Protein backbone atom coordinates (compact mmCIF):
# COMPACT_ATOMS: atom_id res chain seq x y z
CA MET A 1 33.00 -41.75 9.07
CA SER A 2 32.23 -42.21 5.47
CA THR A 3 32.77 -39.73 2.69
CA ALA A 4 31.06 -39.22 -0.62
CA ILE A 5 31.45 -37.00 -3.64
CA THR A 6 28.42 -34.93 -4.43
CA SER A 7 27.66 -31.64 -6.12
CA CYS A 8 26.83 -28.59 -4.06
CA PRO A 9 23.14 -27.61 -4.33
CA ARG A 10 24.05 -23.92 -4.44
CA CYS A 11 27.12 -23.51 -6.57
CA GLY A 12 27.08 -26.84 -8.44
CA GLN A 13 30.72 -27.65 -7.70
CA ARG A 14 31.55 -31.21 -6.84
CA ARG A 15 32.57 -31.57 -3.21
CA VAL A 16 33.77 -34.26 -0.83
CA VAL A 17 31.31 -34.50 2.03
CA GLU A 18 31.25 -36.37 5.32
CA ALA A 19 28.24 -38.21 6.65
CA ILE A 20 28.32 -37.72 10.42
CA GLN A 21 26.96 -40.66 12.41
CA GLY A 22 23.46 -40.00 13.73
CA ASP A 23 23.09 -36.93 11.49
CA PRO A 24 20.84 -37.48 8.48
CA GLY A 25 22.08 -34.35 6.71
CA LEU A 26 25.36 -34.00 4.91
CA ARG A 27 27.88 -31.41 6.04
CA TYR A 28 29.92 -29.61 3.42
CA ALA A 29 33.41 -29.04 4.71
CA ALA A 30 34.63 -26.83 1.89
CA CYS A 31 31.72 -24.48 1.18
CA ASP A 32 30.55 -22.18 3.99
CA GLU A 33 27.50 -21.11 1.98
CA CYS A 34 26.39 -24.70 1.56
CA ARG A 35 26.91 -25.93 5.13
CA ASP A 36 23.81 -27.78 6.27
CA ALA A 37 22.14 -27.00 2.96
CA GLY A 38 19.92 -30.06 3.15
CA ARG A 39 18.51 -29.10 6.53
CA ARG A 40 17.77 -25.42 5.96
CA ARG A 41 14.21 -24.28 6.18
CA PRO A 42 12.85 -22.73 3.03
CA THR A 43 12.94 -18.98 3.25
CA ARG A 44 9.71 -17.02 3.11
CA PRO A 45 9.45 -14.23 0.59
CA ARG A 46 10.25 -10.92 2.24
CA ARG A 47 8.02 -7.92 2.03
CA GLY A 48 10.28 -5.28 0.71
CA PRO A 49 9.86 -2.13 -1.25
CA ALA A 50 7.50 -2.04 -4.16
CA PRO A 51 8.76 -3.42 -7.46
CA GLU A 52 10.58 -0.92 -9.63
CA ASP A 53 7.85 -0.83 -12.26
CA VAL A 54 5.30 0.46 -9.72
CA ARG A 55 5.06 4.20 -9.94
CA PRO A 56 2.91 5.81 -7.25
CA TRP A 57 0.08 8.19 -7.92
CA THR A 58 0.77 11.89 -7.60
CA PRO A 59 -0.49 13.78 -4.56
CA TRP A 60 -2.78 15.78 -6.86
CA GLN A 61 -4.48 12.56 -7.97
CA ILE A 62 -5.13 11.78 -4.30
CA ALA A 63 -6.73 15.21 -3.83
CA ALA A 64 -8.85 14.65 -6.95
CA ALA A 65 -10.00 11.29 -5.57
CA SER A 66 -11.34 13.13 -2.53
CA VAL A 67 -13.37 15.56 -4.62
CA VAL A 68 -14.67 12.89 -7.00
CA PHE A 69 -15.19 9.94 -4.64
CA GLY A 70 -15.34 11.45 -1.14
CA ALA A 71 -13.29 11.59 2.04
CA ALA A 72 -13.33 7.85 2.81
CA ALA A 73 -12.17 7.04 -0.72
CA CYS A 74 -9.41 9.62 -0.38
CA GLY A 75 -8.19 7.93 2.81
CA ALA A 76 -8.20 4.50 1.14
CA VAL A 77 -6.47 5.73 -2.01
CA ALA A 78 -3.93 7.68 0.06
CA GLY A 79 -3.22 4.58 2.15
CA PHE A 80 -2.62 2.44 -0.92
CA ASN A 81 -0.41 5.14 -2.40
CA LEU A 82 1.64 5.39 0.78
CA ALA A 83 2.15 1.63 0.57
CA ARG A 84 3.31 2.08 -3.03
CA LEU A 85 5.73 4.72 -1.77
CA GLY A 86 7.22 2.18 0.66
CA LYS A 87 5.39 3.47 3.76
CA ARG A 88 3.19 0.43 4.43
CA GLN A 89 2.80 1.34 8.09
CA TYR A 90 0.53 4.25 7.08
CA LEU A 91 -1.97 2.16 5.08
CA ILE A 92 -4.42 1.32 7.86
CA PRO A 93 -4.20 4.70 9.66
CA SER A 94 -4.97 6.48 6.36
CA VAL A 95 -8.00 4.31 5.70
CA ILE A 96 -9.26 4.82 9.26
CA ALA A 97 -8.67 8.59 9.09
CA GLY A 98 -10.55 8.84 5.78
CA ALA A 99 -13.48 6.81 7.11
CA ALA A 100 -13.65 8.84 10.33
CA LEU A 101 -13.56 12.12 8.40
CA PHE A 102 -16.31 10.88 6.08
CA ILE A 103 -18.55 9.83 8.99
CA ALA A 104 -17.96 13.17 10.72
CA LEU A 105 -18.77 15.09 7.52
CA ALA A 106 -21.88 13.02 6.79
CA GLY A 107 -23.12 13.40 10.35
CA LEU A 108 -22.50 17.13 10.19
CA ALA A 109 -24.37 17.41 6.88
CA VAL A 110 -27.38 15.43 8.13
CA PHE A 111 -27.73 16.60 11.72
CA VAL A 112 -26.33 20.15 11.81
CA LEU A 113 -26.39 21.89 8.45
CA PRO A 114 -29.58 22.98 6.71
CA ASP A 115 -30.45 21.02 3.57
CA HIS A 116 -29.62 23.79 1.11
CA LEU A 117 -26.06 24.18 2.50
CA SER A 118 -25.11 20.54 3.07
CA ALA A 119 -24.10 19.68 -0.54
CA ALA A 120 -21.83 22.71 -0.94
CA ALA A 121 -20.34 22.24 2.52
CA CYS A 122 -19.59 18.55 1.84
CA LEU A 123 -17.91 19.38 -1.48
CA LEU A 124 -15.78 22.02 0.21
CA ALA A 125 -14.96 19.62 3.06
CA ASN A 126 -13.96 16.90 0.57
CA PHE A 127 -11.61 19.38 -1.08
CA ALA A 128 -10.09 20.22 2.33
CA VAL A 129 -9.64 16.51 3.15
CA GLY A 130 -7.97 15.95 -0.22
CA LEU A 131 -5.68 18.91 0.38
CA GLY A 132 -4.75 17.47 3.78
CA PHE A 133 -3.85 14.08 2.33
CA LEU A 134 -1.95 15.86 -0.46
CA LEU A 135 0.19 17.72 2.07
CA VAL A 136 0.87 14.51 4.01
CA GLN A 137 2.01 12.60 0.91
CA LYS A 138 3.98 15.30 -0.86
CA PRO A 139 7.29 14.86 1.02
CA TYR A 140 7.19 11.05 0.67
CA PHE A 141 6.33 11.31 -3.02
CA ASP A 142 9.08 13.84 -3.70
CA GLY A 143 11.61 11.63 -1.90
CA TRP A 144 10.50 8.54 -3.83
CA LYS A 145 10.60 10.39 -7.13
CA ALA A 146 14.10 11.75 -6.48
CA ALA A 147 15.41 8.31 -5.55
CA ASN A 148 13.61 6.09 -8.08
CA TRP A 149 12.51 7.97 -11.18
CA ARG A 150 15.02 8.70 -13.91
CA PRO A 151 13.27 10.50 -16.77
CA ARG A 152 14.51 10.45 -20.31
CA SER A 153 14.70 13.79 -22.03
CA GLY A 154 11.28 15.39 -22.26
CA GLU A 155 9.49 12.53 -20.48
CA ARG A 156 6.73 13.47 -18.04
CA TYR A 157 5.99 11.46 -14.92
CA ARG A 158 3.15 9.03 -15.54
CA PRO A 159 1.97 6.85 -12.66
CA ASN A 160 0.68 3.39 -13.35
CA GLY A 161 -2.12 1.46 -11.70
CA LEU A 162 -4.81 4.03 -12.44
CA VAL A 163 -7.38 1.25 -12.76
CA GLN A 164 -6.58 0.29 -9.16
CA LEU A 165 -7.10 3.91 -8.10
CA LEU A 166 -10.49 3.99 -9.84
CA LEU A 167 -11.48 0.61 -8.39
CA VAL A 168 -10.59 1.63 -4.82
CA GLY A 169 -12.40 4.93 -5.34
CA CYS A 170 -15.56 3.29 -6.71
CA VAL A 171 -15.72 0.64 -3.97
CA SER A 172 -15.22 3.32 -1.32
CA LEU A 173 -17.88 5.49 -2.97
CA GLY A 174 -20.31 2.57 -2.82
CA LEU A 175 -19.60 2.14 0.88
CA GLU A 176 -20.01 5.88 1.41
CA VAL A 177 -23.42 5.83 -0.30
CA GLY A 178 -24.54 2.97 1.96
CA VAL A 179 -23.33 4.70 5.12
CA SER A 180 -24.90 7.99 3.97
CA ALA A 181 -28.23 6.25 3.48
CA LEU A 182 -27.96 4.72 6.96
CA ILE A 183 -27.13 8.11 8.49
CA ALA A 184 -30.04 9.70 6.58
CA VAL A 185 -32.42 7.05 7.92
CA LEU A 186 -31.12 7.59 11.44
CA GLY A 187 -31.47 11.36 10.94
CA GLY A 188 -35.09 10.92 9.84
CA ILE A 189 -35.90 8.76 12.87
CA TRP A 190 -34.49 11.28 15.35
């Protein structure tokens, strides 16, 4: 066996290494952290909690998104906010729940309610959907805020990423308008 002096790729210390016959990699005898360092696979970045500078939206902003943009937008915004709170597993179910609630409300407004009541009923239903998503997110938000937010004296909580909230809301509103038009056309045919 032959030996060589080389520097450790991790800690930079010079080490005596052995080249084992038939093994193209070098084994570090003295450094457990650097054993088989040349043959390790590169590690993939891990999906962990959100970066510390990401502050989630408040549950009241989620409720306001429902009133302003509609039930489907509220589900999408709530899903993104839950992901910002570290609950990524609730992203897709929130989006699906918001879309299903929107389709149910739109179908109810077109097929069941009279025309003069449908606008008021949809606004009230959007408020109820927003209140529901608010109640779902409140415990997660309070837990995140207690663990991660350290205010300075007199500082109020200010979430960031409001442009993302508006973008998700506007895109969802556009999709809602398209689906509403489709439901209205189907309602006129039947």
